[in-house]
Amino acid sequence: MKVALLFILSLFTISTIAQTEIKLEDVKNHIGDSVRLQATIYVGKYLKPAKSSPTFLDVGGNYSNAPLTLVIWDDVR
């Protein structure tokens, strides 16, 4: 019984310290923070022959109009 109670309390604690959810237009105010963002990825481009093989993800719009572009480098893929 004590183990079950501890498990339930730990789940409650984890949910209370979850990341803050932000809107796409507020991303610029959270540089360096761990946040949760729900948005549409319009375009993804994998540049395998380029140095470090980056993947670019345009969030919230197509390239040049995207308010956010994410880069995923090959060594962390």
PDB file of N, CA and C in Angstrom:
ATOM      1  N   MET A   1       0.823  -1.201   0.000  1.00  0.00           N
ATOM      2  CA  MET A   1       0.000   0.000   0.000  1.00  0.00           C
ATOM      3  C   MET A   1       0.866   1.264   0.000  1.00  0.00           C
ATOM      4  N   LYS A   2       1.939   1.247   0.794  1.00  0.00           N
ATOM      5  CA  LYS A   2       2.814   2.418   0.845  1.00  0.00           C
ATOM      6  C   LYS A   2       3.483   2.663  -0.507  1.00  0.00           C
ATOM      7  N   VAL A   3       3.841   1.571  -1.182  1.00  0.00           N
ATOM      8  CA  VAL A   3       4.481   1.704  -2.490  1.00  0.00           C
ATOM      9  C   VAL A   3       3.514   2.326  -3.494  1.00  0.00           C
ATOM     10  N   ALA A   4       2.271   1.892  -3.469  1.00  0.00           N
ATOM     11  CA  ALA A   4       1.265   2.446  -4.377  1.00  0.00           C
ATOM     12  C   ALA A   4       1.041   3.926  -4.101  1.00  0.00           C
ATOM     13  N   LEU A   5       0.986   4.295  -2.844  1.00  0.00           N
ATOM     14  CA  LEU A   5       0.797   5.699  -2.476  1.00  0.00           C
ATOM     15  C   LEU A   5       1.982   6.542  -2.934  1.00  0.00           C
ATOM     16  N   LEU A   6       3.193   6.030  -2.740  1.00  0.00           N
ATOM     17  CA  LEU A   6       4.381   6.752  -3.196  1.00  0.00           C
ATOM     18  C   LEU A   6       4.379   6.923  -4.712  1.00  0.00           C
ATOM     19  N   PHE A   7       3.967   5.893  -5.422  1.00  0.00           N
ATOM     20  CA  PHE A   7       3.900   5.959  -6.876  1.00  0.00           C
ATOM     21  C   PHE A   7       2.909   7.030  -7.327  1.00  0.00           C
ATOM     22  N   ILE A   8       1.745   7.054  -6.725  1.00  0.00           N
ATOM     23  CA  ILE A   8       0.721   8.048  -7.077  1.00  0.00           C
ATOM     24  C   ILE A   8       1.206   9.454  -6.763  1.00  0.00           C
ATOM     25  N   LEU A   9       1.841   9.636  -5.626  1.00  0.00           N
ATOM     26  CA  LEU A   9       2.370  10.954  -5.271  1.00  0.00           C
ATOM     27  C   LEU A   9       3.474  11.388  -6.228  1.00  0.00           C
ATOM     28  N   SER A  10       4.317  10.448  -6.654  1.00  0.00           N
ATOM     29  CA  SER A  10       5.383  10.808  -7.587  1.00  0.00           C
ATOM     30  C   SER A  10       4.811  11.219  -8.941  1.00  0.00           C
ATOM     31  N   LEU A  11       3.752  10.571  -9.393  1.00  0.00           N
ATOM     32  CA  LEU A  11       3.107  10.978 -10.646  1.00  0.00           C
ATOM     33  C   LEU A  11       2.527  12.378 -10.534  1.00  0.00           C
ATOM     34  N   PHE A  12       1.923  12.690  -9.419  1.00  0.00           N
ATOM     35  CA  PHE A  12       1.366  14.023  -9.205  1.00  0.00           C
ATOM     36  C   PHE A  12       2.473  15.064  -9.223  1.00  0.00           C
ATOM     37  N   THR A  13       3.595  14.764  -8.584  1.00  0.00           N
ATOM     38  CA  THR A  13       4.722  15.692  -8.544  1.00  0.00           C
ATOM     39  C   THR A  13       5.281  15.926  -9.935  1.00  0.00           C
ATOM     40  N   ILE A  14       5.420  14.868 -10.713  1.00  0.00           N
ATOM     41  CA  ILE A  14       5.944  15.005 -12.068  1.00  0.00           C
ATOM     42  C   ILE A  14       5.022  15.873 -12.917  1.00  0.00           C
ATOM     43  N   SER A  15       3.725  15.708 -12.785  1.00  0.00           N
ATOM     44  CA  SER A  15       2.797  16.495 -13.597  1.00  0.00           C
ATOM     45  C   SER A  15       2.781  17.963 -13.196  1.00  0.00           C
ATOM     46  N   THR A  16       3.097  18.275 -11.952  1.00  0.00           N
ATOM     47  CA  THR A  16       3.089  19.675 -11.530  1.00  0.00           C
ATOM     48  C   THR A  16       4.332  20.421 -11.963  1.00  0.00           C
ATOM     49  N   ILE A  17       5.415  19.707 -12.296  1.00  0.00           N
ATOM     50  CA  ILE A  17       6.626  20.389 -12.744  1.00  0.00           C
ATOM     51  C   ILE A  17       6.835  20.230 -14.249  1.00  0.00           C
ATOM     52  N   ALA A  18       5.771  19.905 -14.968  1.00  0.00           N
ATOM     53  CA  ALA A  18       5.860  19.739 -16.418  1.00  0.00           C
ATOM     54  C   ALA A  18       6.218  21.069 -17.066  1.00  0.00           C
ATOM     55  N   GLN A  19       6.723  20.985 -18.284  1.00  0.00           N
ATOM     56  CA  GLN A  19       7.131  22.182 -18.997  1.00  0.00           C
ATOM     57  C   GLN A  19       5.947  23.100 -19.270  1.00  0.00           C
ATOM     58  N   THR A  20       6.252  24.371 -19.386  1.00  0.00           N
ATOM     59  CA  THR A  20       5.254  25.376 -19.706  1.00  0.00           C
ATOM     60  C   THR A  20       4.903  25.291 -21.184  1.00  0.00           C
ATOM     61  N   GLU A  21       3.623  25.309 -21.500  1.00  0.00           N
ATOM     62  CA  GLU A  21       3.201  25.311 -22.901  1.00  0.00           C
ATOM     63  C   GLU A  21       3.062  26.754 -23.360  1.00  0.00           C
ATOM     64  N   ILE A  22       3.666  27.060 -24.513  1.00  0.00           N
ATOM     65  CA  ILE A  22       3.633  28.423 -25.036  1.00  0.00           C
ATOM     66  C   ILE A  22       3.064  28.424 -26.447  1.00  0.00           C
ATOM     67  N   LYS A  23       2.708  29.616 -26.909  1.00  0.00           N
ATOM     68  CA  LYS A  23       2.233  29.801 -28.279  1.00  0.00           C
ATOM     69  C   LYS A  23       3.430  30.094 -29.178  1.00  0.00           C
ATOM     70  N   LEU A  24       3.272  29.831 -30.457  1.00  0.00           N
ATOM     71  CA  LEU A  24       4.354  30.023 -31.414  1.00  0.00           C
ATOM     72  C   LEU A  24       4.883  31.455 -31.409  1.00  0.00           C
ATOM     73  N   GLU A  25       4.002  32.421 -31.284  1.00  0.00           N
ATOM     74  CA  GLU A  25       4.443  33.823 -31.311  1.00  0.00           C
ATOM     75  C   GLU A  25       5.227  34.226 -30.062  1.00  0.00           C
ATOM     76  N   ASP A  26       5.202  33.396 -29.011  1.00  0.00           N
ATOM     77  CA  ASP A  26       5.934  33.694 -27.779  1.00  0.00           C
ATOM     78  C   ASP A  26       7.291  33.000 -27.696  1.00  0.00           C
ATOM     79  N   VAL A  27       7.672  32.262 -28.731  1.00  0.00           N
ATOM     80  CA  VAL A  27       8.931  31.510 -28.706  1.00  0.00           C
ATOM     81  C   VAL A  27      10.119  32.431 -28.461  1.00  0.00           C
ATOM     82  N   LYS A  28      10.122  33.602 -29.067  1.00  0.00           N
ATOM     83  CA  LYS A  28      11.255  34.527 -28.943  1.00  0.00           C
ATOM     84  C   LYS A  28      11.504  34.967 -27.505  1.00  0.00           C
ATOM     85  N   ASN A  29      10.505  34.848 -26.648  1.00  0.00           N
ATOM     86  CA  ASN A  29      10.647  35.234 -25.243  1.00  0.00           C
ATOM     87  C   ASN A  29      11.143  34.094 -24.360  1.00  0.00           C
ATOM     88  N   HIS A  30      11.398  32.929 -24.947  1.00  0.00           N
ATOM     89  CA  HIS A  30      11.777  31.755 -24.157  1.00  0.00           C
ATOM     90  C   HIS A  30      13.050  31.094 -24.672  1.00  0.00           C
ATOM     91  N   ILE A  31      13.972  31.877 -25.207  1.00  0.00           N
ATOM     92  CA  ILE A  31      15.232  31.328 -25.703  1.00  0.00           C
ATOM     93  C   ILE A  31      16.013  30.760 -24.526  1.00  0.00           C
ATOM     94  N   GLY A  32      16.426  29.510 -24.655  1.00  0.00           N
ATOM     95  CA  GLY A  32      17.180  28.839 -23.595  1.00  0.00           C
ATOM     96  C   GLY A  32      16.313  28.125 -22.577  1.00  0.00           C
ATOM     97  N   ASP A  33      15.007  28.308 -22.642  1.00  0.00           N
ATOM     98  CA  ASP A  33      14.082  27.654 -21.709  1.00  0.00           C
ATOM     99  C   ASP A  33      13.619  26.321 -22.284  1.00  0.00           C
ATOM    100  N   SER A  34      13.209  25.429 -21.400  1.00  0.00           N
ATOM    101  CA  SER A  34      12.561  24.190 -21.833  1.00  0.00           C
ATOM    102  C   SER A  34      11.064  24.433 -21.813  1.00  0.00           C
ATOM    103  N   VAL A  35      10.461  24.396 -22.985  1.00  0.00           N
ATOM    104  CA  VAL A  35       9.028  24.658 -23.107  1.00  0.00           C
ATOM    105  C   VAL A  35       8.395  23.612 -24.007  1.00  0.00           C
ATOM    106  N   ARG A  36       7.084  23.588 -23.995  1.00  0.00           N
ATOM    107  CA  ARG A  36       6.328  22.702 -24.874  1.00  0.00           C
ATOM    108  C   ARG A  36       5.586  23.587 -25.872  1.00  0.00           C
ATOM    109  N   LEU A  37       5.677  23.202 -27.146  1.00  0.00           N
ATOM    110  CA  LEU A  37       5.064  23.979 -28.219  1.00  0.00           C
ATOM    111  C   LEU A  37       4.280  23.033 -29.109  1.00  0.00           C
ATOM    112  N   GLN A  38       3.050  23.378 -29.378  1.00  0.00           N
ATOM    113  CA  GLN A  38       2.242  22.599 -30.312  1.00  0.00           C
ATOM    114  C   GLN A  38       1.985  23.474 -31.524  1.00  0.00           C
ATOM    115  N   ALA A  39       2.563  23.067 -32.669  1.00  0.00           N
ATOM    116  CA  ALA A  39       2.435  23.856 -33.892  1.00  0.00           C
ATOM    117  C   ALA A  39       2.580  22.930 -35.094  1.00  0.00           C
ATOM    118  N   THR A  40       2.260  23.450 -36.258  1.00  0.00           N
ATOM    119  CA  THR A  40       2.342  22.684 -37.492  1.00  0.00           C
ATOM    120  C   THR A  40       3.716  22.851 -38.126  1.00  0.00           C
ATOM    121  N   ILE A  41       4.314  21.727 -38.525  1.00  0.00           N
ATOM    122  CA  ILE A  41       5.556  21.764 -39.289  1.00  0.00           C
ATOM    123  C   ILE A  41       5.161  21.739 -40.762  1.00  0.00           C
ATOM    124  N   TYR A  42       5.483  22.820 -41.463  1.00  0.00           N
ATOM    125  CA  TYR A  42       5.083  22.956 -42.862  1.00  0.00           C
ATOM    126  C   TYR A  42       6.050  22.258 -43.806  1.00  0.00           C
ATOM    127  N   VAL A  43       7.344  22.387 -43.548  1.00  0.00           N
ATOM    128  CA  VAL A  43       8.347  21.829 -44.448  1.00  0.00           C
ATOM    129  C   VAL A  43       9.483  21.229 -43.628  1.00  0.00           C
ATOM    130  N   GLY A  44       9.963  20.091 -44.072  1.00  0.00           N
ATOM    131  CA  GLY A  44      11.154  19.484 -43.487  1.00  0.00           C
ATOM    132  C   GLY A  44      12.149  19.194 -44.596  1.00  0.00           C
ATOM    133  N   LYS A  45      13.408  19.544 -44.381  1.00  0.00           N
ATOM    134  CA  LYS A  45      14.423  19.331 -45.421  1.00  0.00           C
ATOM    135  C   LYS A  45      15.661  18.722 -44.778  1.00  0.00           C
ATOM    136  N   TYR A  46      16.064  17.540 -45.256  1.00  0.00           N
ATOM    137  CA  TYR A  46      17.247  16.836 -44.775  1.00  0.00           C
ATOM    138  C   TYR A  46      18.366  17.044 -45.782  1.00  0.00           C
ATOM    139  N   LEU A  47      19.453  17.669 -45.355  1.00  0.00           N
ATOM    140  CA  LEU A  47      20.582  17.950 -46.248  1.00  0.00           C
ATOM    141  C   LEU A  47      21.721  16.979 -45.951  1.00  0.00           C
ATOM    142  N   LYS A  48      21.571  15.754 -46.391  1.00  0.00           N
ATOM    143  CA  LYS A  48      22.548  14.705 -46.096  1.00  0.00           C
ATOM    144  C   LYS A  48      23.957  15.036 -46.589  1.00  0.00           C
ATOM    145  N   PRO A  49      24.139  15.591 -47.806  1.00  0.00           N
ATOM    146  CA  PRO A  49      25.508  15.863 -48.263  1.00  0.00           C
ATOM    147  C   PRO A  49      26.169  17.071 -47.580  1.00  0.00           C
ATOM    148  N   ALA A  50      25.414  17.902 -46.899  1.00  0.00           N
ATOM    149  CA  ALA A  50      25.977  19.088 -46.248  1.00  0.00           C
ATOM    150  C   ALA A  50      26.765  18.694 -44.999  1.00  0.00           C
ATOM    151  N   LYS A  51      27.655  19.569 -44.562  1.00  0.00           N
ATOM    152  CA  LYS A  51      28.450  19.320 -43.360  1.00  0.00           C
ATOM    153  C   LYS A  51      27.523  19.126 -42.159  1.00  0.00           C
ATOM    154  N   SER A  52      27.738  18.086 -41.393  1.00  0.00           N
ATOM    155  CA  SER A  52      26.952  17.708 -40.207  1.00  0.00           C
ATOM    156  C   SER A  52      25.529  17.281 -40.543  1.00  0.00           C
ATOM    157  N   SER A  53      25.188  17.134 -41.803  1.00  0.00           N
ATOM    158  CA  SER A  53      23.887  16.632 -42.276  1.00  0.00           C
ATOM    159  C   SER A  53      22.694  17.196 -41.503  1.00  0.00           C
ATOM    160  N   PRO A  54      22.451  18.508 -41.586  1.00  0.00           N
ATOM    161  CA  PRO A  54      21.346  19.083 -40.817  1.00  0.00           C
ATOM    162  C   PRO A  54      19.970  18.764 -41.407  1.00  0.00           C
ATOM    163  N   THR A  55      18.978  18.777 -40.541  1.00  0.00           N
ATOM    164  CA  THR A  55      17.579  18.715 -40.952  1.00  0.00           C
ATOM    165  C   THR A  55      16.939  20.024 -40.516  1.00  0.00           C
ATOM    166  N   PHE A  56      16.283  20.707 -41.422  1.00  0.00           N
ATOM    167  CA  PHE A  56      15.602  21.964 -41.126  1.00  0.00           C
ATOM    168  C   PHE A  56      14.097  21.720 -41.109  1.00  0.00           C
ATOM    169  N   LEU A  57      13.440  22.175 -40.066  1.00  0.00           N
ATOM    170  CA  LEU A  57      11.987  22.061 -39.946  1.00  0.00           C
ATOM    171  C   LEU A  57      11.402  23.462 -39.829  1.00  0.00           C
ATOM    172  N   ASP A  58      10.574  23.851 -40.791  1.00  0.00           N
ATOM    173  CA  ASP A  58       9.917  25.161 -40.757  1.00  0.00           C
ATOM    174  C   ASP A  58       8.586  25.020 -40.034  1.00  0.00           C
ATOM    175  N   VAL A  59       8.446  25.741 -38.936  1.00  0.00           N
ATOM    176  CA  VAL A  59       7.271  25.645 -38.071  1.00  0.00           C
ATOM    177  C   VAL A  59       6.411  26.892 -38.252  1.00  0.00           C
ATOM    178  N   GLY A  60       5.131  26.687 -38.501  1.00  0.00           N
ATOM    179  CA  GLY A  60       4.191  27.796 -38.579  1.00  0.00           C
ATOM    180  C   GLY A  60       4.088  28.460 -39.936  1.00  0.00           C
ATOM    181  N   GLY A  61       4.815  27.979 -40.935  1.00  0.00           N
ATOM    182  CA  GLY A  61       4.751  28.554 -42.271  1.00  0.00           C
ATOM    183  C   GLY A  61       5.840  27.977 -43.152  1.00  0.00           C
ATOM    184  N   ASN A  62       5.772  28.289 -44.441  1.00  0.00           N
ATOM    185  CA  ASN A  62       6.796  27.830 -45.375  1.00  0.00           C
ATOM    186  C   ASN A  62       8.064  28.651 -45.214  1.00  0.00           C
ATOM    187  N   TYR A  63       9.162  28.143 -45.800  1.00  0.00           N
ATOM    188  CA  TYR A  63      10.456  28.814 -45.713  1.00  0.00           C
ATOM    189  C   TYR A  63      10.335  30.294 -46.088  1.00  0.00           C
ATOM    190  N   SER A  64      11.035  31.103 -45.376  1.00  0.00           N
ATOM    191  CA  SER A  64      11.095  32.564 -45.455  1.00  0.00           C
ATOM    192  C   SER A  64       9.889  33.234 -44.797  1.00  0.00           C
ATOM    193  N   ASN A  65       8.795  32.515 -44.604  1.00  0.00           N
ATOM    194  CA  ASN A  65       7.651  33.053 -43.866  1.00  0.00           C
ATOM    195  C   ASN A  65       7.442  32.323 -42.541  1.00  0.00           C
ATOM    196  N   ALA A  66       8.312  31.369 -42.235  1.00  0.00           N
ATOM    197  CA  ALA A  66       8.161  30.584 -41.009  1.00  0.00           C
ATOM    198  C   ALA A  66       8.633  31.397 -39.809  1.00  0.00           C
ATOM    199  N   PRO A  67       7.806  31.515 -38.780  1.00  0.00           N
ATOM    200  CA  PRO A  67       8.232  32.240 -37.589  1.00  0.00           C
ATOM    201  C   PRO A  67       9.308  31.500 -36.798  1.00  0.00           C
ATOM    202  N   LEU A  68       9.466  30.188 -37.054  1.00  0.00           N
ATOM    203  CA  LEU A  68      10.453  29.392 -36.327  1.00  0.00           C
ATOM    204  C   LEU A  68      11.013  28.319 -37.247  1.00  0.00           C
ATOM    205  N   THR A  69      12.333  28.200 -37.287  1.00  0.00           N
ATOM    206  CA  THR A  69      12.991  27.113 -38.008  1.00  0.00           C
ATOM    207  C   THR A  69      13.835  26.336 -37.014  1.00  0.00           C
ATOM    208  N   LEU A  70      13.576  25.031 -36.930  1.00  0.00           N
ATOM    209  CA  LEU A  70      14.330  24.155 -36.043  1.00  0.00           C
ATOM    210  C   LEU A  70      15.415  23.463 -36.846  1.00  0.00           C
ATOM    211  N   VAL A  71      16.586  23.279 -36.238  1.00  0.00           N
ATOM    212  CA  VAL A  71      17.687  22.573 -36.884  1.00  0.00           C
ATOM    213  C   VAL A  71      18.046  21.372 -36.026  1.00  0.00           C
ATOM    214  N   ILE A  72      18.092  20.200 -36.662  1.00  0.00           N
ATOM    215  CA  ILE A  72      18.510  18.983 -35.976  1.00  0.00           C
ATOM    216  C   ILE A  72      19.799  18.520 -36.647  1.00  0.00           C
ATOM    217  N   TRP A  73      20.891  18.497 -35.891  1.00  0.00           N
ATOM    218  CA  TRP A  73      22.180  18.089 -36.433  1.00  0.00           C
ATOM    219  C   TRP A  73      22.301  16.572 -36.414  1.00  0.00           C
ATOM    220  N   ASP A  74      23.129  16.052 -37.305  1.00  0.00           N
ATOM    221  CA  ASP A  74      23.302  14.610 -37.485  1.00  0.00           C
ATOM    222  C   ASP A  74      23.742  13.907 -36.200  1.00  0.00           C
ATOM    223  N   ASP A  75      24.585  14.523 -35.401  1.00  0.00           N
ATOM    224  CA  ASP A  75      25.104  13.856 -34.201  1.00  0.00           C
ATOM    225  C   ASP A  75      24.075  13.733 -33.078  1.00  0.00           C
ATOM    226  N   VAL A  76      22.943  14.406 -33.174  1.00  0.00           N
ATOM    227  CA  VAL A  76      21.889  14.275 -32.154  1.00  0.00           C
ATOM    228  C   VAL A  76      20.603  13.684 -32.722  1.00  0.00           C
ATOM    229  N   ARG A  77      20.642  13.258 -33.954  1.00  0.00           N
ATOM    230  CA  ARG A  77      19.467  12.674 -34.589  1.00  0.00           C
ATOM    231  C   ARG A  77      19.183  11.313 -34.019  1.00  0.00           C
TER     232      ARG A  77
END
